Amino acid sequence: QVQLVESGGGLVQNGGSLRLSCAASENIFSIYVMGWYRQAPGKQREWAASISSGTTNYANSVRGRFTISRDTAKNTVYLQMNSLKPEDTAVYYCKARQIMNGAEYWGQGTQVTVSS
């Protein structure tokens, strides 16, 4: 059973930066697509970024401001968030999806609040 633990959330000012971390319980990057999702109050959960075999993809809402990366040795995925806006306020979740069978695992989420 894959376990994911997010950290790094908090309160930042408009225009500030924050880096989120997602630590996996085992080395899974070779067989899983890793991604970050977010859910703002009163809204559906939406995909923000993903990474697999060095390939990254971003939602239009975060492209150019957010960067997803991974450290294989630490079994950790990161989301560097720059130029944060109040609209970025949400609970951010880490997700792992197994390439072969589509099995999914989610972290517990971490709150990001951007003040105006």
PDB file of N, CA and C in Angstrom:
ATOM      1  N   GLN A   1       0.840  -1.181   0.000  1.00  0.00           N
ATOM      2  CA  GLN A   1       0.000   0.000   0.000  1.00  0.00           C
ATOM      3  C   GLN A   1       0.883   1.242   0.000  1.00  0.00           C
ATOM      4  N   VAL A   2       0.725   2.077  -1.016  1.00  0.00           N
ATOM      5  CA  VAL A   2       1.492   3.301  -1.123  1.00  0.00           C
ATOM      6  C   VAL A   2       0.881   4.375  -0.237  1.00  0.00           C
ATOM      7  N   GLN A   3       1.717   5.035   0.540  1.00  0.00           N
ATOM      8  CA  GLN A   3       1.266   6.130   1.391  1.00  0.00           C
ATOM      9  C   GLN A   3       1.976   7.410   0.988  1.00  0.00           C
ATOM     10  N   LEU A   4       1.219   8.502   0.950  1.00  0.00           N
ATOM     11  CA  LEU A   4       1.743   9.797   0.553  1.00  0.00           C
ATOM     12  C   LEU A   4       1.474  10.802   1.662  1.00  0.00           C
ATOM     13  N   VAL A   5       2.484  11.586   2.005  1.00  0.00           N
ATOM     14  CA  VAL A   5       2.355  12.580   3.061  1.00  0.00           C
ATOM     15  C   VAL A   5       2.802  13.936   2.546  1.00  0.00           C
ATOM     16  N   GLU A   6       1.871  14.891   2.506  1.00  0.00           N
ATOM     17  CA  GLU A   6       2.176  16.243   2.042  1.00  0.00           C
ATOM     18  C   GLU A   6       2.604  17.132   3.208  1.00  0.00           C
ATOM     19  N   SER A   7       3.389  18.142   2.890  1.00  0.00           N
ATOM     20  CA  SER A   7       3.802  19.132   3.870  1.00  0.00           C
ATOM     21  C   SER A   7       4.205  20.414   3.146  1.00  0.00           C
ATOM     22  N   GLY A   8       4.375  21.486   3.897  1.00  0.00           N
ATOM     23  CA  GLY A   8       4.836  22.734   3.324  1.00  0.00           C
ATOM     24  C   GLY A   8       3.781  23.801   3.131  1.00  0.00           C
ATOM     25  N   GLY A   9       2.525  23.478   3.391  1.00  0.00           N
ATOM     26  CA  GLY A   9       1.471  24.465   3.246  1.00  0.00           C
ATOM     27  C   GLY A   9       1.560  25.527   4.321  1.00  0.00           C
ATOM     28  N   GLY A  10       0.815  26.613   4.122  1.00  0.00           N
ATOM     29  CA  GLY A  10       0.819  27.689   5.096  1.00  0.00           C
ATOM     30  C   GLY A  10       0.204  28.950   4.551  1.00  0.00           C
ATOM     31  N   LEU A  11       0.428  30.052   5.259  1.00  0.00           N
ATOM     32  CA  LEU A  11      -0.102  31.359   4.876  1.00  0.00           C
ATOM     33  C   LEU A  11       1.011  32.213   4.285  1.00  0.00           C
ATOM     34  N   VAL A  12       0.771  32.736   3.080  1.00  0.00           N
ATOM     35  CA  VAL A  12       1.745  33.597   2.419  1.00  0.00           C
ATOM     36  C   VAL A  12       1.046  34.823   1.860  1.00  0.00           C
ATOM     37  N   GLN A  13       1.821  35.876   1.595  1.00  0.00           N
ATOM     38  CA  GLN A  13       1.281  37.097   1.025  1.00  0.00           C
ATOM     39  C   GLN A  13       1.119  36.986  -0.483  1.00  0.00           C
ATOM     40  N   ASN A  14       0.246  37.822  -1.017  1.00  0.00           N
ATOM     41  CA  ASN A  14       0.068  37.913  -2.455  1.00  0.00           C
ATOM     42  C   ASN A  14       1.429  38.165  -3.119  1.00  0.00           C
ATOM     43  N   GLY A  15       1.772  37.346  -4.117  1.00  0.00           N
ATOM     44  CA  GLY A  15       3.045  37.489  -4.802  1.00  0.00           C
ATOM     45  C   GLY A  15       4.169  36.676  -4.190  1.00  0.00           C
ATOM     46  N   GLY A  16       3.895  36.022  -3.087  1.00  0.00           N
ATOM     47  CA  GLY A  16       4.908  35.242  -2.398  1.00  0.00           C
ATOM     48  C   GLY A  16       5.114  33.865  -3.001  1.00  0.00           C
ATOM     49  N   SER A  17       5.999  33.094  -2.367  1.00  0.00           N
ATOM     50  CA  SER A  17       6.342  31.753  -2.842  1.00  0.00           C
ATOM     51  C   SER A  17       6.211  30.726  -1.737  1.00  0.00           C
ATOM     52  N   LEU A  18       6.017  29.489  -2.147  1.00  0.00           N
ATOM     53  CA  LEU A  18       5.880  28.386  -1.213  1.00  0.00           C
ATOM     54  C   LEU A  18       6.253  27.100  -1.933  1.00  0.00           C
ATOM     55  N   ARG A  19       6.872  26.159  -1.224  1.00  0.00           N
ATOM     56  CA  ARG A  19       7.189  24.870  -1.823  1.00  0.00           C
ATOM     57  C   ARG A  19       6.541  23.751  -1.037  1.00  0.00           C
ATOM     58  N   LEU A  20       5.729  22.968  -1.733  1.00  0.00           N
ATOM     59  CA  LEU A  20       5.065  21.827  -1.131  1.00  0.00           C
ATOM     60  C   LEU A  20       5.871  20.560  -1.380  1.00  0.00           C
ATOM     61  N   SER A  21       5.809  19.630  -0.436  1.00  0.00           N
ATOM     62  CA  SER A  21       6.506  18.359  -0.562  1.00  0.00           C
ATOM     63  C   SER A  21       5.528  17.207  -0.425  1.00  0.00           C
ATOM     64  N   CYS A  22       5.785  16.127  -1.137  1.00  0.00           N
ATOM     65  CA  CYS A  22       4.978  14.915  -1.052  1.00  0.00           C
ATOM     66  C   CYS A  22       5.936  13.743  -0.910  1.00  0.00           C
ATOM     67  N   ALA A  23       5.994  13.171   0.286  1.00  0.00           N
ATOM     68  CA  ALA A  23       6.891  12.053   0.559  1.00  0.00           C
ATOM     69  C   ALA A  23       6.154  10.730   0.387  1.00  0.00           C
ATOM     70  N   ALA A  24       6.699   9.844  -0.444  1.00  0.00           N
ATOM     71  CA  ALA A  24       6.109   8.531  -0.688  1.00  0.00           C
ATOM     72  C   ALA A  24       6.742   7.483   0.216  1.00  0.00           C
ATOM     73  N   SER A  25       5.969   6.460   0.549  1.00  0.00           N
ATOM     74  CA  SER A  25       6.430   5.415   1.460  1.00  0.00           C
ATOM     75  C   SER A  25       7.435   4.460   0.830  1.00  0.00           C
ATOM     76  N   GLU A  26       7.560   4.487  -0.489  1.00  0.00           N
ATOM     77  CA  GLU A  26       8.471   3.620  -1.204  1.00  0.00           C
ATOM     78  C   GLU A  26       8.848   4.250  -2.530  1.00  0.00           C
ATOM     79  N   ASN A  27       9.836   3.665  -3.193  1.00  0.00           N
ATOM     80  CA  ASN A  27      10.264   4.163  -4.490  1.00  0.00           C
ATOM     81  C   ASN A  27       9.252   3.743  -5.545  1.00  0.00           C
ATOM     82  N   ILE A  28       8.456   4.697  -6.020  1.00  0.00           N
ATOM     83  CA  ILE A  28       7.373   4.380  -6.944  1.00  0.00           C
ATOM     84  C   ILE A  28       7.426   5.164  -8.249  1.00  0.00           C
ATOM     85  N   PHE A  29       8.366   6.066  -8.378  1.00  0.00           N
ATOM     86  CA  PHE A  29       8.377   6.977  -9.516  1.00  0.00           C
ATOM     87  C   PHE A  29       8.513   6.299 -10.874  1.00  0.00           C
ATOM     88  N   SER A  30       9.129   5.129 -10.934  1.00  0.00           N
ATOM     89  CA  SER A  30       9.322   4.448 -12.205  1.00  0.00           C
ATOM     90  C   SER A  30       8.037   3.837 -12.754  1.00  0.00           C
ATOM     91  N   ILE A  31       7.056   3.607 -11.898  1.00  0.00           N
ATOM     92  CA  ILE A  31       5.818   2.965 -12.326  1.00  0.00           C
ATOM     93  C   ILE A  31       4.572   3.800 -12.041  1.00  0.00           C
ATOM     94  N   TYR A  32       4.739   4.994 -11.516  1.00  0.00           N
ATOM     95  CA  TYR A  32       3.612   5.860 -11.188  1.00  0.00           C
ATOM     96  C   TYR A  32       3.752   7.235 -11.829  1.00  0.00           C
ATOM     97  N   VAL A  33       2.611   7.791 -12.203  1.00  0.00           N
ATOM     98  CA  VAL A  33       2.537   9.185 -12.599  1.00  0.00           C
ATOM     99  C   VAL A  33       2.192   9.961 -11.332  1.00  0.00           C
ATOM    100  N   MET A  34       2.968  10.975 -11.020  1.00  0.00           N
ATOM    101  CA  MET A  34       2.735  11.772  -9.826  1.00  0.00           C
ATOM    102  C   MET A  34       2.092  13.098 -10.210  1.00  0.00           C
ATOM    103  N   GLY A  35       1.174  13.551  -9.378  1.00  0.00           N
ATOM    104  CA  GLY A  35       0.504  14.801  -9.686  1.00  0.00           C
ATOM    105  C   GLY A  35       0.092  15.583  -8.463  1.00  0.00           C
ATOM    106  N   TRP A  36      -0.171  16.859  -8.683  1.00  0.00           N
ATOM    107  CA  TRP A  36      -0.697  17.736  -7.648  1.00  0.00           C
ATOM    108  C   TRP A  36      -2.071  18.228  -8.070  1.00  0.00           C
ATOM    109  N   TYR A  37      -3.011  18.177  -7.146  1.00  0.00           N
ATOM    110  CA  TYR A  37      -4.365  18.672  -7.353  1.00  0.00           C
ATOM    111  C   TYR A  37      -4.675  19.684  -6.265  1.00  0.00           C
ATOM    112  N   ARG A  38      -5.704  20.494  -6.487  1.00  0.00           N
ATOM    113  CA  ARG A  38      -6.093  21.451  -5.468  1.00  0.00           C
ATOM    114  C   ARG A  38      -7.605  21.619  -5.454  1.00  0.00           C
ATOM    115  N   GLN A  39      -8.125  21.972  -4.291  1.00  0.00           N
ATOM    116  CA  GLN A  39      -9.552  22.170  -4.131  1.00  0.00           C
ATOM    117  C   GLN A  39      -9.806  23.406  -3.276  1.00  0.00           C
ATOM    118  N   ALA A  40     -10.403  24.417  -3.897  1.00  0.00           N
ATOM    119  CA  ALA A  40     -10.746  25.651  -3.204  1.00  0.00           C
ATOM    120  C   ALA A  40     -12.129  25.511  -2.580  1.00  0.00           C
ATOM    121  N   PRO A  41     -12.437  26.329  -1.575  1.00  0.00           N
ATOM    122  CA  PRO A  41     -13.752  26.265  -0.929  1.00  0.00           C
ATOM    123  C   PRO A  41     -14.885  26.426  -1.935  1.00  0.00           C
ATOM    124  N   GLY A  42     -15.855  25.520  -1.898  1.00  0.00           N
ATOM    125  CA  GLY A  42     -17.004  25.602  -2.779  1.00  0.00           C
ATOM    126  C   GLY A  42     -16.749  25.202  -4.218  1.00  0.00           C
ATOM    127  N   LYS A  43     -15.573  24.680  -4.518  1.00  0.00           N
ATOM    128  CA  LYS A  43     -15.235  24.290  -5.878  1.00  0.00           C
ATOM    129  C   LYS A  43     -14.804  22.828  -5.944  1.00  0.00           C
ATOM    130  N   GLN A  44     -14.835  22.266  -7.155  1.00  0.00           N
ATOM    131  CA  GLN A  44     -14.406  20.889  -7.359  1.00  0.00           C
ATOM    132  C   GLN A  44     -12.886  20.802  -7.337  1.00  0.00           C
ATOM    133  N   ARG A  45     -12.387  19.620  -7.023  1.00  0.00           N
ATOM    134  CA  ARG A  45     -10.957  19.402  -7.054  1.00  0.00           C
ATOM    135  C   ARG A  45     -10.469  19.459  -8.503  1.00  0.00           C
ATOM    136  N   GLU A  46      -9.374  20.166  -8.729  1.00  0.00           N
ATOM    137  CA  GLU A  46      -8.846  20.310 -10.071  1.00  0.00           C
ATOM    138  C   GLU A  46      -7.371  19.921 -10.136  1.00  0.00           C
ATOM    139  N   TRP A  47      -6.967  19.420 -11.284  1.00  0.00           N
ATOM    140  CA  TRP A  47      -5.587  19.042 -11.517  1.00  0.00           C
ATOM    141  C   TRP A  47      -4.738  20.280 -11.748  1.00  0.00           C
ATOM    142  N   ALA A  48      -3.548  20.308 -11.173  1.00  0.00           N
ATOM    143  CA  ALA A  48      -2.655  21.444 -11.321  1.00  0.00           C
ATOM    144  C   ALA A  48      -1.387  21.100 -12.103  1.00  0.00           C
ATOM    145  N   ALA A  49      -0.766  19.961 -11.788  1.00  0.00           N
ATOM    146  CA  ALA A  49       0.488  19.588 -12.435  1.00  0.00           C
ATOM    147  C   ALA A  49       0.747  18.099 -12.303  1.00  0.00           C
ATOM    148  N   SER A  50       1.558  17.542 -13.204  1.00  0.00           N
ATOM    149  CA  SER A  50       1.918  16.128 -13.141  1.00  0.00           C
ATOM    150  C   SER A  50       3.324  15.930 -13.675  1.00  0.00           C
ATOM    151  N   ILE A  51       3.926  14.805 -13.288  1.00  0.00           N
ATOM    152  CA  ILE A  51       5.271  14.479 -13.744  1.00  0.00           C
ATOM    153  C   ILE A  51       5.411  12.967 -13.888  1.00  0.00           C
ATOM    154  N   SER A  52       6.067  12.540 -14.978  1.00  0.00           N
ATOM    155  CA  SER A  52       6.315  11.127 -15.235  1.00  0.00           C
ATOM    156  C   SER A  52       7.522  10.995 -16.147  1.00  0.00           C
ATOM    157  N   SER A  53       8.514  10.246 -15.705  1.00  0.00           N
ATOM    158  CA  SER A  53       9.732  10.009 -16.491  1.00  0.00           C
ATOM    159  C   SER A  53      10.358  11.308 -16.993  1.00  0.00           C
ATOM    160  N   GLY A  54      10.324  12.328 -16.159  1.00  0.00           N
ATOM    161  CA  GLY A  54      10.922  13.597 -16.510  1.00  0.00           C
ATOM    162  C   GLY A  54      10.039  14.538 -17.297  1.00  0.00           C
ATOM    163  N   THR A  55       8.883  14.069 -17.738  1.00  0.00           N
ATOM    164  CA  THR A  55       7.945  14.896 -18.485  1.00  0.00           C
ATOM    165  C   THR A  55       6.983  15.586 -17.531  1.00  0.00           C
ATOM    166  N   THR A  56       6.829  16.884 -17.684  1.00  0.00           N
ATOM    167  CA  THR A  56       5.926  17.637 -16.824  1.00  0.00           C
ATOM    168  C   THR A  56       4.802  18.267 -17.625  1.00  0.00           C
ATOM    169  N   ASN A  57       3.658  18.425 -16.970  1.00  0.00           N
ATOM    170  CA  ASN A  57       2.500  19.066 -17.576  1.00  0.00           C
ATOM    171  C   ASN A  57       1.835  19.951 -16.540  1.00  0.00           C
ATOM    172  N   TYR A  58       1.232  21.049 -17.005  1.00  0.00           N
ATOM    173  CA  TYR A  58       0.616  22.004 -16.104  1.00  0.00           C
ATOM    174  C   TYR A  58      -0.735  22.469 -16.594  1.00  0.00           C
ATOM    175  N   ALA A  59      -1.614  22.774 -15.643  1.00  0.00           N
ATOM    176  CA  ALA A  59      -2.875  23.402 -15.978  1.00  0.00           C
ATOM    177  C   ALA A  59      -2.589  24.843 -16.383  1.00  0.00           C
ATOM    178  N   ASN A  60      -3.422  25.395 -17.235  1.00  0.00           N
ATOM    179  CA  ASN A  60      -3.213  26.765 -17.698  1.00  0.00           C
ATOM    180  C   ASN A  60      -3.201  27.772 -16.546  1.00  0.00           C
ATOM    181  N   SER A  61      -3.944  27.480 -15.503  1.00  0.00           N
ATOM    182  CA  SER A  61      -4.055  28.398 -14.383  1.00  0.00           C
ATOM    183  C   SER A  61      -2.762  28.554 -13.585  1.00  0.00           C
ATOM    184  N   VAL A  62      -1.846  27.581 -13.701  1.00  0.00           N
ATOM    185  CA  VAL A  62      -0.612  27.632 -12.926  1.00  0.00           C
ATOM    186  C   VAL A  62       0.643  27.649 -13.793  1.00  0.00           C
ATOM    187  N   ARG A  63       0.500  27.441 -15.078  1.00  0.00           N
ATOM    188  CA  ARG A  63       1.639  27.401 -15.988  1.00  0.00           C
ATOM    189  C   ARG A  63       2.452  28.694 -15.912  1.00  0.00           C
ATOM    190  N   GLY A  64       3.764  28.545 -15.804  1.00  0.00           N
ATOM    191  CA  GLY A  64       4.636  29.702 -15.714  1.00  0.00           C
ATOM    192  C   GLY A  64       4.884  30.172 -14.304  1.00  0.00           C
ATOM    193  N   ARG A  65       4.077  29.719 -13.355  1.00  0.00           N
ATOM    194  CA  ARG A  65       4.220  30.118 -11.957  1.00  0.00           C
ATOM    195  C   ARG A  65       4.595  28.946 -11.060  1.00  0.00           C
ATOM    196  N   PHE A  66       4.081  27.759 -11.372  1.00  0.00           N
ATOM    197  CA  PHE A  66       4.338  26.562 -10.569  1.00  0.00           C
ATOM    198  C   PHE A  66       5.296  25.634 -11.302  1.00  0.00           C
ATOM    199  N   THR A  67       6.115  24.909 -10.539  1.00  0.00           N
ATOM    200  CA  THR A  67       7.030  23.934 -11.103  1.00  0.00           C
ATOM    201  C   THR A  67       6.966  22.641 -10.300  1.00  0.00           C
ATOM    202  N   ILE A  68       6.685  21.530 -10.977  1.00  0.00           N
ATOM    203  CA  ILE A  68       6.665  20.232 -10.318  1.00  0.00           C
ATOM    204  C   ILE A  68       7.992  19.533 -10.580  1.00  0.00           C
ATOM    205  N   SER A  69       8.524  18.868  -9.563  1.00  0.00           N
ATOM    206  CA  SER A  69       9.786  18.158  -9.700  1.00  0.00           C
ATOM    207  C   SER A  69       9.798  16.971  -8.750  1.00  0.00           C
ATOM    208  N   ARG A  70      10.809  16.122  -8.881  1.00  0.00           N
ATOM    209  CA  ARG A  70      10.910  14.973  -7.987  1.00  0.00           C
ATOM    210  C   ARG A  70      12.354  14.663  -7.660  1.00  0.00           C
ATOM    211  N   ASP A  71      12.558  14.106  -6.476  1.00  0.00           N
ATOM    212  CA  ASP A  71      13.862  13.673  -6.016  1.00  0.00           C
ATOM    213  C   ASP A  71      13.750  12.178  -5.765  1.00  0.00           C
ATOM    214  N   THR A  72      14.279  11.378  -6.686  1.00  0.00           N
ATOM    215  CA  THR A  72      14.144   9.930  -6.605  1.00  0.00           C
ATOM    216  C   THR A  72      14.781   9.357  -5.340  1.00  0.00           C
ATOM    217  N   ALA A  73      15.942   9.873  -4.963  1.00  0.00           N
ATOM    218  CA  ALA A  73      16.647   9.378  -3.788  1.00  0.00           C
ATOM    219  C   ALA A  73      15.835   9.565  -2.514  1.00  0.00           C
ATOM    220  N   LYS A  74      15.035  10.624  -2.467  1.00  0.00           N
ATOM    221  CA  LYS A  74      14.231  10.925  -1.286  1.00  0.00           C
ATOM    222  C   LYS A  74      12.785  10.466  -1.416  1.00  0.00           C
ATOM    223  N   ASN A  75      12.436   9.879  -2.562  1.00  0.00           N
ATOM    224  CA  ASN A  75      11.055   9.455  -2.819  1.00  0.00           C
ATOM    225  C   ASN A  75      10.082  10.602  -2.564  1.00  0.00           C
ATOM    226  N   THR A  76      10.445  11.777  -3.034  1.00  0.00           N
ATOM    227  CA  THR A  76       9.672  12.975  -2.759  1.00  0.00           C
ATOM    228  C   THR A  76       9.388  13.772  -4.027  1.00  0.00           C
ATOM    229  N   VAL A  77       8.156  14.250  -4.136  1.00  0.00           N
ATOM    230  CA  VAL A  77       7.735  15.119  -5.228  1.00  0.00           C
ATOM    231  C   VAL A  77       7.499  16.508  -4.655  1.00  0.00           C
ATOM    232  N   TYR A  78       7.874  17.524  -5.408  1.00  0.00           N
ATOM    233  CA  TYR A  78       7.741  18.899  -4.950  1.00  0.00           C
ATOM    234  C   TYR A  78       6.858  19.712  -5.887  1.00  0.00           C
ATOM    235  N   LEU A  79       6.279  20.764  -5.334  1.00  0.00           N
ATOM    236  CA  LEU A  79       5.554  21.738  -6.129  1.00  0.00           C
ATOM    237  C   LEU A  79       6.025  23.110  -5.681  1.00  0.00           C
ATOM    238  N   GLN A  80       6.875  23.730  -6.497  1.00  0.00           N
ATOM    239  CA  GLN A  80       7.349  25.074  -6.216  1.00  0.00           C
ATOM    240  C   GLN A  80       6.326  26.059  -6.749  1.00  0.00           C
ATOM    241  N   MET A  81       5.786  26.898  -5.887  1.00  0.00           N
ATOM    242  CA  MET A  81       4.755  27.846  -6.266  1.00  0.00           C
ATOM    243  C   MET A  81       5.279  29.268  -6.103  1.00  0.00           C
ATOM    244  N   ASN A  82       5.342  30.002  -7.205  1.00  0.00           N
ATOM    245  CA  ASN A  82       5.803  31.383  -7.199  1.00  0.00           C
ATOM    246  C   ASN A  82       4.685  32.308  -7.658  1.00  0.00           C
ATOM    247  N   SER A  83       4.848  33.589  -7.384  1.00  0.00           N
ATOM    248  CA  SER A  83       3.863  34.599  -7.778  1.00  0.00           C
ATOM    249  C   SER A  83       2.454  34.188  -7.369  1.00  0.00           C
ATOM    250  N   LEU A  84       2.318  33.753  -6.149  1.00  0.00           N
ATOM    251  CA  LEU A  84       1.033  33.265  -5.660  1.00  0.00           C
ATOM    252  C   LEU A  84      -0.021  34.366  -5.615  1.00  0.00           C
ATOM    253  N   LYS A  85      -1.246  33.980  -5.924  1.00  0.00           N
ATOM    254  CA  LYS A  85      -2.386  34.875  -5.935  1.00  0.00           C
ATOM    255  C   LYS A  85      -3.434  34.375  -4.947  1.00  0.00           C
ATOM    256  N   PRO A  86      -4.330  35.255  -4.492  1.00  0.00           N
ATOM    257  CA  PRO A  86      -5.403  34.796  -3.601  1.00  0.00           C
ATOM    258  C   PRO A  86      -6.221  33.662  -4.221  1.00  0.00           C
ATOM    259  N   GLU A  87      -6.343  33.642  -5.541  1.00  0.00           N
ATOM    260  CA  GLU A  87      -7.082  32.587  -6.236  1.00  0.00           C
ATOM    261  C   GLU A  87      -6.429  31.216  -6.092  1.00  0.00           C
ATOM    262  N   ASP A  88      -5.172  31.176  -5.665  1.00  0.00           N
ATOM    263  CA  ASP A  88      -4.470  29.910  -5.468  1.00  0.00           C
ATOM    264  C   ASP A  88      -4.807  29.273  -4.124  1.00  0.00           C
ATOM    265  N   THR A  89      -5.524  29.990  -3.289  1.00  0.00           N
ATOM    266  CA  THR A  89      -5.898  29.466  -1.977  1.00  0.00           C
ATOM    267  C   THR A  89      -6.724  28.193  -2.139  1.00  0.00           C
ATOM    268  N   ALA A  90      -6.262  27.108  -1.528  1.00  0.00           N
ATOM    269  CA  ALA A  90      -6.928  25.816  -1.661  1.00  0.00           C
ATOM    270  C   ALA A  90      -6.211  24.787  -0.802  1.00  0.00           C
ATOM    271  N   VAL A  91      -6.825  23.623  -0.684  1.00  0.00           N
ATOM    272  CA  VAL A  91      -6.143  22.479  -0.099  1.00  0.00           C
ATOM    273  C   VAL A  91      -5.457  21.768  -1.256  1.00  0.00           C
ATOM    274  N   TYR A  92      -4.166  21.529  -1.131  1.00  0.00           N
ATOM    275  CA  TYR A  92      -3.398  20.888  -2.185  1.00  0.00           C
ATOM    276  C   TYR A  92      -3.144  19.426  -1.848  1.00  0.00           C
ATOM    277  N   TYR A  93      -3.415  18.551  -2.825  1.00  0.00           N
ATOM    278  CA  TYR A  93      -3.288  17.112  -2.642  1.00  0.00           C
ATOM    279  C   TYR A  93      -2.270  16.507  -3.598  1.00  0.00           C
ATOM    280  N   CYS A  94      -1.509  15.560  -3.113  1.00  0.00           N
ATOM    281  CA  CYS A  94      -0.575  14.798  -3.926  1.00  0.00           C
ATOM    282  C   CYS A  94      -1.248  13.498  -4.350  1.00  0.00           C
ATOM    283  N   LYS A  95      -1.058  13.090  -5.602  1.00  0.00           N
ATOM    284  CA  LYS A  95      -1.650  11.849  -6.098  1.00  0.00           C
ATOM    285  C   LYS A  95      -0.637  11.017  -6.862  1.00  0.00           C
ATOM    286  N   ALA A  96      -0.709   9.701  -6.685  1.00  0.00           N
ATOM    287  CA  ALA A  96       0.104   8.755  -7.434  1.00  0.00           C
ATOM    288  C   ALA A  96      -0.823   7.832  -8.203  1.00  0.00           C
ATOM    289  N   ARG A  97      -0.557   7.642  -9.490  1.00  0.00           N
ATOM    290  CA  ARG A  97      -1.364   6.739 -10.310  1.00  0.00           C
ATOM    291  C   ARG A  97      -0.463   5.703 -10.964  1.00  0.00           C
ATOM    292  N   GLN A  98      -0.737   4.433 -10.706  1.00  0.00           N
ATOM    293  CA  GLN A  98       0.047   3.354 -11.284  1.00  0.00           C
ATOM    294  C   GLN A  98      -0.233   3.262 -12.773  1.00  0.00           C
ATOM    295  N   ILE A  99       0.823   3.239 -13.547  1.00  0.00           N
ATOM    296  CA  ILE A  99       0.681   3.244 -14.997  1.00  0.00           C
ATOM    297  C   ILE A  99       0.008   1.979 -15.526  1.00  0.00           C
ATOM    298  N   MET A 100       0.345   0.826 -14.973  1.00  0.00           N
ATOM    299  CA  MET A 100      -0.138  -0.449 -15.481  1.00  0.00           C
ATOM    300  C   MET A 100      -1.629  -0.688 -15.273  1.00  0.00           C
ATOM    301  N   ASN A 101      -2.132  -0.400 -14.081  1.00  0.00           N
ATOM    302  CA  ASN A 101      -3.530  -0.712 -13.793  1.00  0.00           C
ATOM    303  C   ASN A 101      -4.387   0.484 -13.385  1.00  0.00           C
ATOM    304  N   GLY A 102      -3.808   1.656 -13.297  1.00  0.00           N
ATOM    305  CA  GLY A 102      -4.572   2.846 -12.971  1.00  0.00           C
ATOM    306  C   GLY A 102      -4.907   3.037 -11.511  1.00  0.00           C
ATOM    307  N   ALA A 103      -4.375   2.200 -10.630  1.00  0.00           N
ATOM    308  CA  ALA A 103      -4.634   2.341  -9.201  1.00  0.00           C
ATOM    309  C   ALA A 103      -4.144   3.703  -8.724  1.00  0.00           C
ATOM    310  N   GLU A 104      -4.923   4.347  -7.863  1.00  0.00           N
ATOM    311  CA  GLU A 104      -4.602   5.681  -7.382  1.00  0.00           C
ATOM    312  C   GLU A 104      -4.445   5.741  -5.868  1.00  0.00           C
ATOM    313  N   TYR A 105      -3.530   6.595  -5.432  1.00  0.00           N
ATOM    314  CA  TYR A 105      -3.304   6.834  -4.017  1.00  0.00           C
ATOM    315  C   TYR A 105      -3.228   8.339  -3.800  1.00  0.00           C
ATOM    316  N   TRP A 106      -3.833   8.804  -2.709  1.00  0.00           N
ATOM    317  CA  TRP A 106      -3.884  10.234  -2.398  1.00  0.00           C
ATOM    318  C   TRP A 106      -3.283  10.545  -1.045  1.00  0.00           C
ATOM    319  N   GLY A 107      -2.694  11.732  -0.944  1.00  0.00           N
ATOM    320  CA  GLY A 107      -2.221  12.223   0.333  1.00  0.00           C
ATOM    321  C   GLY A 107      -3.379  12.856   1.080  1.00  0.00           C
ATOM    322  N   GLN A 108      -3.132  13.317   2.301  1.00  0.00           N
ATOM    323  CA  GLN A 108      -4.198  13.877   3.135  1.00  0.00           C
ATOM    324  C   GLN A 108      -4.495  15.337   2.831  1.00  0.00           C
ATOM    325  N   GLY A 109      -3.624  15.988   2.099  1.00  0.00           N
ATOM    326  CA  GLY A 109      -3.811  17.378   1.731  1.00  0.00           C
ATOM    327  C   GLY A 109      -3.107  18.336   2.669  1.00  0.00           C
ATOM    328  N   THR A 110      -2.737  19.500   2.143  1.00  0.00           N
ATOM    329  CA  THR A 110      -2.117  20.548   2.947  1.00  0.00           C
ATOM    330  C   THR A 110      -2.701  21.894   2.519  1.00  0.00           C
ATOM    331  N   GLN A 111      -3.047  22.726   3.489  1.00  0.00           N
ATOM    332  CA  GLN A 111      -3.714  23.997   3.221  1.00  0.00           C
ATOM    333  C   GLN A 111      -2.733  25.076   2.783  1.00  0.00           C
ATOM    334  N   VAL A 112      -3.071  25.750   1.688  1.00  0.00           N
ATOM    335  CA  VAL A 112      -2.314  26.903   1.215  1.00  0.00           C
ATOM    336  C   VAL A 112      -3.259  28.099   1.198  1.00  0.00           C
ATOM    337  N   THR A 113      -2.898  29.161   1.901  1.00  0.00           N
ATOM    338  CA  THR A 113      -3.712  30.362   1.939  1.00  0.00           C
ATOM    339  C   THR A 113      -2.873  31.555   1.509  1.00  0.00           C
ATOM    340  N   VAL A 114      -3.358  32.285   0.510  1.00  0.00           N
ATOM    341  CA  VAL A 114      -2.661  33.460  -0.002  1.00  0.00           C
ATOM    342  C   VAL A 114      -3.480  34.690   0.354  1.00  0.00           C
ATOM    343  N   SER A 115      -2.918  35.564   1.153  1.00  0.00           N
ATOM    344  CA  SER A 115      -3.619  36.757   1.594  1.00  0.00           C
ATOM    345  C   SER A 115      -3.483  37.876   0.573  1.00  0.00           C
ATOM    346  N   SER A 116      -4.494  38.744   0.512  1.00  0.00           N
ATOM    347  CA  SER A 116      -4.484  39.872  -0.410  1.00  0.00           C
ATOM    348  C   SER A 116      -3.959  41.129   0.246  1.00  0.00           C
TER     349      SER A 116
END
